[in-house]
Amino acid sequence: MTGILGHERTRATLWAALKAGRPHHAYLLEGPRGLGKRLIADRYAMTANCLAESPFEALPCGTCTSCRQILAGTHPDVLLLEPDTERASRAIPIEAVREVIRKTTYHRFSARRRFVIVDPVEAMLEPAANALLKTLEEPPDGTGFLLVSHNPAALLPTIRSRCQRIRLGAVPVERVRDWLIADHGRDRELADAAARASLGCPGTALSLDPEGLQKRAGLRDDVLAALGGPLEGVMALAVRVTQGARQEWATEVAALLEVVEDLIRDGVLLATGARVPTTAPHPDLQRFAGLFPDGLDRCSRAVQDARDDLEVYVSGRTVVEALLTAVRRELAACPA
């Protein structure tokens, strides 16, 4: 059974509660994309229902009927709420929430404990989130919620307050690099570049093959050039990354937002002298360090505003132009 990289203390706490028979009724797993939050949620549900002789050890067996069903997404007592990849909207519709609530009122089919996994929970718009509140606060006996969030600040306070919050931090870059080498056969140079670019998120690092690393580095250079050049460069980049239908440019825009977040994070590291590697060396990073702390905080809010706008179907070009213009304004106001 494939293990979870890092988060040992968090896993020990979660599994101890499960073994003692006192799990919280709702956990909110928080942290950046690619940290392994969904993997933890899946393994937790598997462990709770594993048919092996020692079901509450650190990892489930992965081979019993229950484990195989959960892995395949077919277990009748492990209910999943997530965006439909075949729809243009990335929101979890209220109808899906109501259907899951209805299913939680049934007797469990075979599981010791039923779970509802919501991934990501911020994909529920306010009506859908409100529909979930009562069940989230008082779930039927034997039912628990595992909520995955990449951005807990975007959640309704009433959702956060009903959960036990589990904050997951980055896995050390060195551990991610060594894992890519030992478990996935990456050569050391590429593994180190992917680990650094992932900011300690194993799932992200694994997705960054040589082509992905090159594409990410190219986008980073394009963003920095647009931020440091004339305004027309911002407009041209916004047009380029939002070509075609929404389904086609959504991934490109998400990657651009992540690049801007990387620049903000690297600026913080350089400004504070933290002994943590930046995503990639670049002379322009010192400009971001000069924005610390207030300017970087405003840039972070601009990224969140961009994500919020995308959720309510503001056009991708408008979102990208507004974000890059806001960051560019901060850089221009900062003394060289």
Protein backbone atom coordinates (compact mmCIF):
# COMPACT_ATOMS: atom_id res chain seq x y z
CA MET A 1 0.00 0.00 0.00
CA THR A 2 1.54 3.33 -1.06
CA GLY A 3 2.31 5.46 1.95
CA ILE A 4 1.87 9.16 2.64
CA LEU A 5 5.01 11.27 2.43
CA GLY A 6 5.48 13.39 5.55
CA HIS A 7 2.83 14.70 7.98
CA GLU A 8 3.76 12.06 10.58
CA ARG A 9 2.52 14.02 13.59
CA THR A 10 -0.79 14.86 11.94
CA ARG A 11 -1.34 11.27 10.87
CA ALA A 12 -0.50 9.97 14.34
CA THR A 13 -3.13 12.27 15.86
CA LEU A 14 -5.82 11.33 13.36
CA TRP A 15 -5.19 7.59 13.54
CA ALA A 16 -4.99 7.61 17.36
CA ALA A 17 -8.49 9.12 17.55
CA LEU A 18 -9.74 6.49 15.11
CA LYS A 19 -8.14 3.65 17.07
CA ALA A 20 -9.63 4.97 20.32
CA GLY A 21 -13.07 5.09 18.73
CA ARG A 22 -13.34 8.85 19.19
CA PRO A 23 -12.81 10.47 15.79
CA HIS A 24 -14.12 13.99 15.35
CA HIS A 25 -17.29 14.18 13.29
CA ALA A 26 -15.71 16.62 10.77
CA TYR A 27 -12.08 17.25 9.87
CA LEU A 28 -10.94 20.15 7.70
CA LEU A 29 -7.64 19.22 6.00
CA GLU A 30 -5.95 22.49 5.00
CA GLY A 31 -2.92 23.28 2.90
CA PRO A 32 -1.67 23.98 -0.64
CA ARG A 33 -2.48 21.72 -3.57
CA GLY A 34 -0.32 18.64 -3.91
CA LEU A 35 0.44 18.18 -0.20
CA GLY A 36 -1.42 14.89 0.06
CA LYS A 37 -4.63 16.07 1.78
CA ARG A 38 -6.91 13.96 -0.41
CA LEU A 39 -4.59 10.98 -0.02
CA ILE A 40 -4.85 11.31 3.76
CA ALA A 41 -8.65 11.52 3.55
CA ASP A 42 -8.85 8.41 1.36
CA ARG A 43 -6.44 6.42 3.54
CA TYR A 44 -8.31 7.49 6.68
CA ALA A 45 -11.62 6.24 5.29
CA MET A 46 -9.93 3.03 4.18
CA THR A 47 -8.32 2.48 7.58
CA ALA A 48 -11.65 2.99 9.37
CA ASN A 49 -13.25 0.28 7.23
CA CYS A 50 -10.33 -2.03 6.47
CA LEU A 51 -11.18 -5.72 6.88
CA ALA A 52 -7.63 -6.74 7.82
CA GLU A 53 -6.86 -8.21 11.22
CA SER A 54 -5.24 -4.99 12.49
CA PRO A 55 -7.39 -2.35 10.80
CA PHE A 56 -6.28 0.68 12.78
CA GLU A 57 -2.58 0.64 12.02
CA ALA A 58 -0.93 3.56 10.22
CA LEU A 59 -2.03 2.34 6.78
CA PRO A 60 -4.87 0.11 5.56
CA CYS A 61 -4.11 -3.18 3.83
CA GLY A 62 -5.20 -1.95 0.40
CA THR A 63 -6.23 -5.43 -0.73
CA CYS A 64 -9.47 -6.28 1.10
CA THR A 65 -12.85 -5.71 -0.56
CA SER A 66 -13.50 -2.50 1.37
CA CYS A 67 -10.09 -0.99 0.56
CA ARG A 68 -10.38 -1.87 -3.12
CA GLN A 69 -13.84 -0.32 -3.35
CA ILE A 70 -12.69 2.92 -1.74
CA LEU A 71 -9.66 3.06 -4.03
CA ALA A 72 -11.94 2.58 -7.03
CA GLY A 73 -14.45 5.16 -5.77
CA THR A 74 -17.26 2.61 -5.67
CA HIS A 75 -17.75 2.04 -1.93
CA PRO A 76 -21.42 2.81 -1.14
CA ASP A 77 -20.55 4.22 2.28
CA VAL A 78 -17.76 6.58 1.16
CA LEU A 79 -19.53 9.46 -0.55
CA LEU A 80 -17.62 11.98 -2.64
CA LEU A 81 -18.50 15.58 -3.39
CA GLU A 82 -16.26 17.18 -6.02
CA PRO A 83 -16.63 19.27 -9.18
CA ASP A 84 -17.78 17.45 -12.29
CA THR A 85 -14.82 17.47 -14.69
CA GLU A 86 -17.20 17.26 -17.68
CA ARG A 87 -18.95 20.52 -16.80
CA ALA A 88 -17.65 24.00 -17.50
CA SER A 89 -18.41 25.04 -13.93
CA ARG A 90 -15.90 24.04 -11.27
CA ALA A 91 -18.50 24.48 -8.54
CA ILE A 92 -20.12 21.65 -6.59
CA PRO A 93 -23.84 22.10 -7.28
CA ILE A 94 -26.38 22.32 -4.49
CA GLU A 95 -28.25 19.35 -6.00
CA ALA A 96 -25.21 17.12 -5.45
CA VAL A 97 -24.95 18.29 -1.83
CA ARG A 98 -28.61 17.53 -1.19
CA GLU A 99 -28.26 14.06 -2.73
CA VAL A 100 -25.33 13.22 -0.46
CA ILE A 101 -27.23 14.51 2.59
CA ARG A 102 -30.12 12.25 1.62
CA LYS A 103 -27.81 9.24 1.37
CA THR A 104 -26.40 9.86 4.85
CA THR A 105 -29.86 9.17 6.29
CA TYR A 106 -29.81 5.58 5.00
CA HIS A 107 -28.49 2.64 6.99
CA ARG A 108 -24.88 1.92 6.17
CA PHE A 109 -24.38 -0.86 3.64
CA SER A 110 -21.29 -2.55 5.06
CA ALA A 111 -18.93 0.02 6.54
CA ARG A 112 -18.10 0.43 10.19
CA ARG A 113 -18.10 4.15 9.54
CA ARG A 114 -19.48 6.17 6.63
CA PHE A 115 -17.49 9.13 5.30
CA VAL A 116 -18.35 12.11 3.14
CA ILE A 117 -15.25 13.48 1.38
CA VAL A 118 -15.55 16.98 -0.08
CA ASP A 119 -12.69 17.96 -2.39
CA PRO A 120 -12.23 20.87 -2.47
CA VAL A 121 -14.78 22.25 -0.06
CA GLU A 122 -14.35 25.80 -1.41
CA ALA A 123 -15.88 24.58 -4.68
CA MET A 124 -19.25 24.77 -2.95
CA LEU A 125 -20.85 28.15 -3.53
CA GLU A 126 -22.65 29.73 -0.59
CA PRO A 127 -26.10 28.11 -1.16
CA ALA A 128 -24.52 24.65 -1.40
CA ALA A 129 -22.35 25.27 1.67
CA ASN A 130 -25.36 26.46 3.66
CA ALA A 131 -27.28 23.34 2.63
CA LEU A 132 -24.54 21.21 4.18
CA LEU A 133 -24.30 23.07 7.49
CA LYS A 134 -26.88 21.23 9.61
CA THR A 135 -25.68 17.76 8.58
CA LEU A 136 -22.07 18.85 9.03
CA GLU A 137 -22.80 19.99 12.59
CA GLU A 138 -24.90 16.96 13.57
CA PRO A 139 -24.18 14.09 11.18
CA PRO A 140 -26.05 10.80 11.54
CA ASP A 141 -24.48 8.30 13.91
CA GLY A 142 -21.47 6.60 12.34
CA THR A 143 -20.97 9.25 9.67
CA GLY A 144 -17.95 11.56 9.45
CA PHE A 145 -16.88 14.37 7.13
CA LEU A 146 -13.43 14.82 5.60
CA LEU A 147 -13.20 18.26 3.99
CA VAL A 148 -10.21 19.06 1.78
CA SER A 149 -9.35 22.75 1.36
CA HIS A 150 -6.58 24.44 -0.61
CA ASN A 151 -7.78 27.85 0.61
CA PRO A 152 -9.63 27.76 3.95
CA ALA A 153 -9.87 31.58 4.03
CA ALA A 154 -12.40 31.30 1.19
CA LEU A 155 -14.77 29.16 3.28
CA LEU A 156 -17.80 30.37 5.18
CA PRO A 157 -16.88 30.90 8.86
CA THR A 158 -19.78 28.61 9.74
CA ILE A 159 -18.12 25.77 7.80
CA ARG A 160 -14.75 26.30 9.49
CA SER A 161 -16.28 26.51 12.96
CA ARG A 162 -17.99 23.13 12.63
CA CYS A 163 -14.75 21.28 11.86
CA GLN A 164 -11.59 20.29 13.62
CA ARG A 165 -8.98 22.06 11.53
CA ILE A 166 -5.92 20.05 10.49
CA ARG A 167 -3.24 22.30 9.00
CA LEU A 168 -0.69 20.48 6.85
CA GLY A 169 2.70 22.06 6.23
CA ALA A 170 5.14 21.58 3.39
CA VAL A 171 7.25 18.45 3.29
CA PRO A 172 10.98 19.35 3.43
CA VAL A 173 12.32 19.84 -0.08
CA GLU A 174 15.11 17.34 0.57
CA ARG A 175 12.60 14.61 1.48
CA VAL A 176 10.56 15.30 -1.66
CA ARG A 177 13.72 15.17 -3.79
CA ASP A 178 14.90 11.89 -2.23
CA TRP A 179 11.39 10.39 -2.64
CA LEU A 180 11.34 11.29 -6.35
CA ILE A 181 14.74 9.63 -6.79
CA ALA A 182 14.09 6.48 -4.72
CA ASP A 183 10.43 5.80 -5.49
CA HIS A 184 9.96 7.28 -8.95
CA GLY A 185 13.35 6.91 -10.62
CA ARG A 186 13.99 10.60 -11.28
CA ASP A 187 17.58 11.69 -11.77
CA ARG A 188 18.95 13.93 -9.04
CA GLU A 189 19.05 17.20 -10.99
CA LEU A 190 15.46 16.94 -12.22
CA ALA A 191 14.26 15.69 -8.83
CA ASP A 192 15.85 18.66 -7.09
CA ALA A 193 14.33 21.12 -9.57
CA ALA A 194 10.87 19.56 -9.20
CA ALA A 195 11.08 19.48 -5.39
CA ARG A 196 12.07 23.15 -5.25
CA ALA A 197 9.40 24.21 -7.74
CA SER A 198 6.74 22.27 -5.82
CA LEU A 199 7.38 24.17 -2.56
CA GLY A 200 7.44 20.88 -0.69
CA CYS A 201 4.20 19.50 -2.15
CA PRO A 202 4.88 15.90 -3.26
CA GLY A 203 1.90 15.63 -5.60
CA THR A 204 2.93 18.78 -7.42
CA ALA A 205 6.55 17.63 -7.62
CA LEU A 206 5.49 14.30 -9.11
CA SER A 207 3.53 16.08 -11.84
CA LEU A 208 6.54 18.15 -12.87
CA ASP A 209 8.34 16.08 -15.48
CA PRO A 210 11.07 17.76 -17.58
CA GLU A 211 8.46 19.17 -19.98
CA GLY A 212 6.34 20.46 -17.09
CA LEU A 213 9.36 22.07 -15.43
CA GLN A 214 10.33 23.76 -18.68
CA LYS A 215 6.79 25.02 -19.23
CA ARG A 216 6.54 26.34 -15.66
CA ALA A 217 9.92 28.09 -15.95
CA GLY A 218 8.83 29.65 -19.25
CA LEU A 219 5.60 30.93 -17.75
CA ARG A 220 7.51 32.35 -14.78
CA ASP A 221 9.83 34.23 -17.16
CA ASP A 222 6.84 35.52 -19.13
CA VAL A 223 5.11 36.76 -15.97
CA LEU A 224 8.26 38.52 -14.75
CA ALA A 225 8.77 40.12 -18.18
CA ALA A 226 5.17 41.35 -18.24
CA LEU A 227 5.45 42.76 -14.72
CA GLY A 228 8.66 44.59 -15.53
CA GLY A 229 7.74 45.88 -18.98
CA PRO A 230 5.12 48.16 -20.53
CA LEU A 231 1.44 47.64 -19.78
CA GLU A 232 0.91 46.21 -23.25
CA GLY A 233 2.92 43.17 -22.16
CA VAL A 234 0.37 42.42 -19.42
CA MET A 235 -2.46 42.61 -21.92
CA ALA A 236 -0.64 40.40 -24.42
CA LEU A 237 0.09 37.73 -21.81
CA ALA A 238 -3.54 37.79 -20.62
CA VAL A 239 -4.75 37.23 -24.18
CA ARG A 240 -2.27 34.42 -24.77
CA VAL A 241 -3.14 32.34 -21.69
CA THR A 242 -6.91 32.65 -22.15
CA GLN A 243 -7.28 31.41 -25.72
CA GLY A 244 -10.26 29.20 -26.55
CA ALA A 245 -13.11 27.97 -24.39
CA ARG A 246 -13.07 28.13 -20.60
CA GLN A 247 -12.22 24.44 -20.28
CA GLU A 248 -9.15 25.04 -22.44
CA TRP A 249 -7.69 28.05 -20.62
CA ALA A 250 -8.66 27.17 -17.04
CA THR A 251 -5.51 25.10 -16.49
CA GLU A 252 -3.28 27.82 -17.97
CA VAL A 253 -4.79 30.51 -15.76
CA ALA A 254 -4.49 28.29 -12.68
CA ALA A 255 -0.80 27.77 -13.49
CA LEU A 256 -0.28 31.52 -13.85
CA LEU A 257 -1.87 32.15 -10.45
CA GLU A 258 0.43 29.54 -8.92
CA VAL A 259 3.47 31.24 -10.50
CA VAL A 260 2.46 34.57 -8.96
CA GLU A 261 2.02 32.85 -5.59
CA ASP A 262 5.51 31.34 -5.98
CA LEU A 263 6.97 34.80 -6.59
CA ILE A 264 5.22 36.19 -3.51
CA ARG A 265 6.45 33.30 -1.39
CA ASP A 266 10.02 33.65 -2.70
CA GLY A 267 9.88 37.36 -1.90
CA VAL A 268 8.97 36.54 1.70
CA LEU A 269 11.83 34.03 1.96
CA LEU A 270 14.39 36.50 0.67
CA ALA A 271 13.07 39.37 2.78
CA THR A 272 13.13 37.36 6.00
CA GLY A 273 16.38 35.50 5.36
CA ALA A 274 14.69 32.13 5.80
CA ARG A 275 16.89 29.09 5.18
CA VAL A 276 14.46 27.60 2.71
CA PRO A 277 15.24 27.33 -1.00
CA THR A 278 13.32 29.55 -3.41
CA THR A 279 11.46 27.90 -6.26
CA ALA A 280 14.17 28.94 -8.74
CA PRO A 281 16.92 31.59 -8.70
CA HIS A 282 16.10 34.79 -10.55
CA PRO A 283 17.49 38.35 -10.18
CA ASP A 284 14.01 39.90 -10.24
CA LEU A 285 13.05 38.11 -7.01
CA GLN A 286 14.73 40.89 -5.03
CA ARG A 287 12.05 43.25 -6.35
CA PHE A 288 9.44 41.10 -4.62
CA ALA A 289 11.49 41.01 -1.43
CA GLY A 290 11.33 44.80 -1.44
CA LEU A 291 7.52 44.62 -1.16
CA PHE A 292 7.67 42.87 2.21
CA PRO A 293 5.43 42.88 4.16
CA ASP A 294 2.49 45.12 3.15
CA GLY A 295 2.99 45.01 -0.61
CA LEU A 296 3.25 41.22 -0.63
CA ASP A 297 0.12 41.01 1.50
CA ARG A 298 -1.76 43.12 -1.07
CA CYS A 299 -0.42 40.88 -3.85
CA SER A 300 -1.67 37.81 -1.98
CA ARG A 301 -5.11 39.36 -1.66
CA ALA A 302 -5.07 40.09 -5.41
CA VAL A 303 -4.43 36.39 -6.09
CA GLN A 304 -7.35 35.44 -3.86
CA ASP A 305 -9.55 38.02 -5.58
CA ALA A 306 -8.61 36.41 -8.90
CA ARG A 307 -9.66 32.97 -7.64
CA ASP A 308 -12.92 34.34 -6.27
CA ASP A 309 -13.67 36.02 -9.60
CA LEU A 310 -13.02 32.81 -11.50
CA GLU A 311 -15.53 31.00 -9.29
CA VAL A 312 -18.29 33.40 -10.36
CA TYR A 313 -17.35 33.17 -14.06
CA VAL A 314 -15.58 36.48 -14.58
CA SER A 315 -13.71 36.15 -17.89
CA GLY A 316 -10.21 34.71 -17.67
CA ARG A 317 -8.69 37.63 -19.56
CA THR A 318 -10.21 40.15 -17.15
CA VAL A 319 -8.99 38.13 -14.15
CA VAL A 320 -5.42 37.84 -15.44
CA GLU A 321 -5.22 41.50 -16.45
CA ALA A 322 -6.52 42.64 -13.05
CA LEU A 323 -4.11 40.41 -11.12
CA LEU A 324 -0.98 41.29 -13.09
CA THR A 325 -1.87 44.99 -13.09
CA ALA A 326 -2.27 44.94 -9.30
CA VAL A 327 1.11 43.23 -8.79
CA ARG A 328 2.76 45.49 -11.35
CA ARG A 329 1.42 48.55 -9.49
CA GLU A 330 2.97 47.31 -6.24
CA LEU A 331 6.35 46.75 -7.91
CA ALA A 332 6.27 50.17 -9.52
CA ALA A 333 5.58 51.86 -6.20
CA CYS A 334 8.50 50.12 -4.50
CA PRO A 335 11.87 51.93 -4.62
CA ALA A 336 14.43 50.02 -6.69
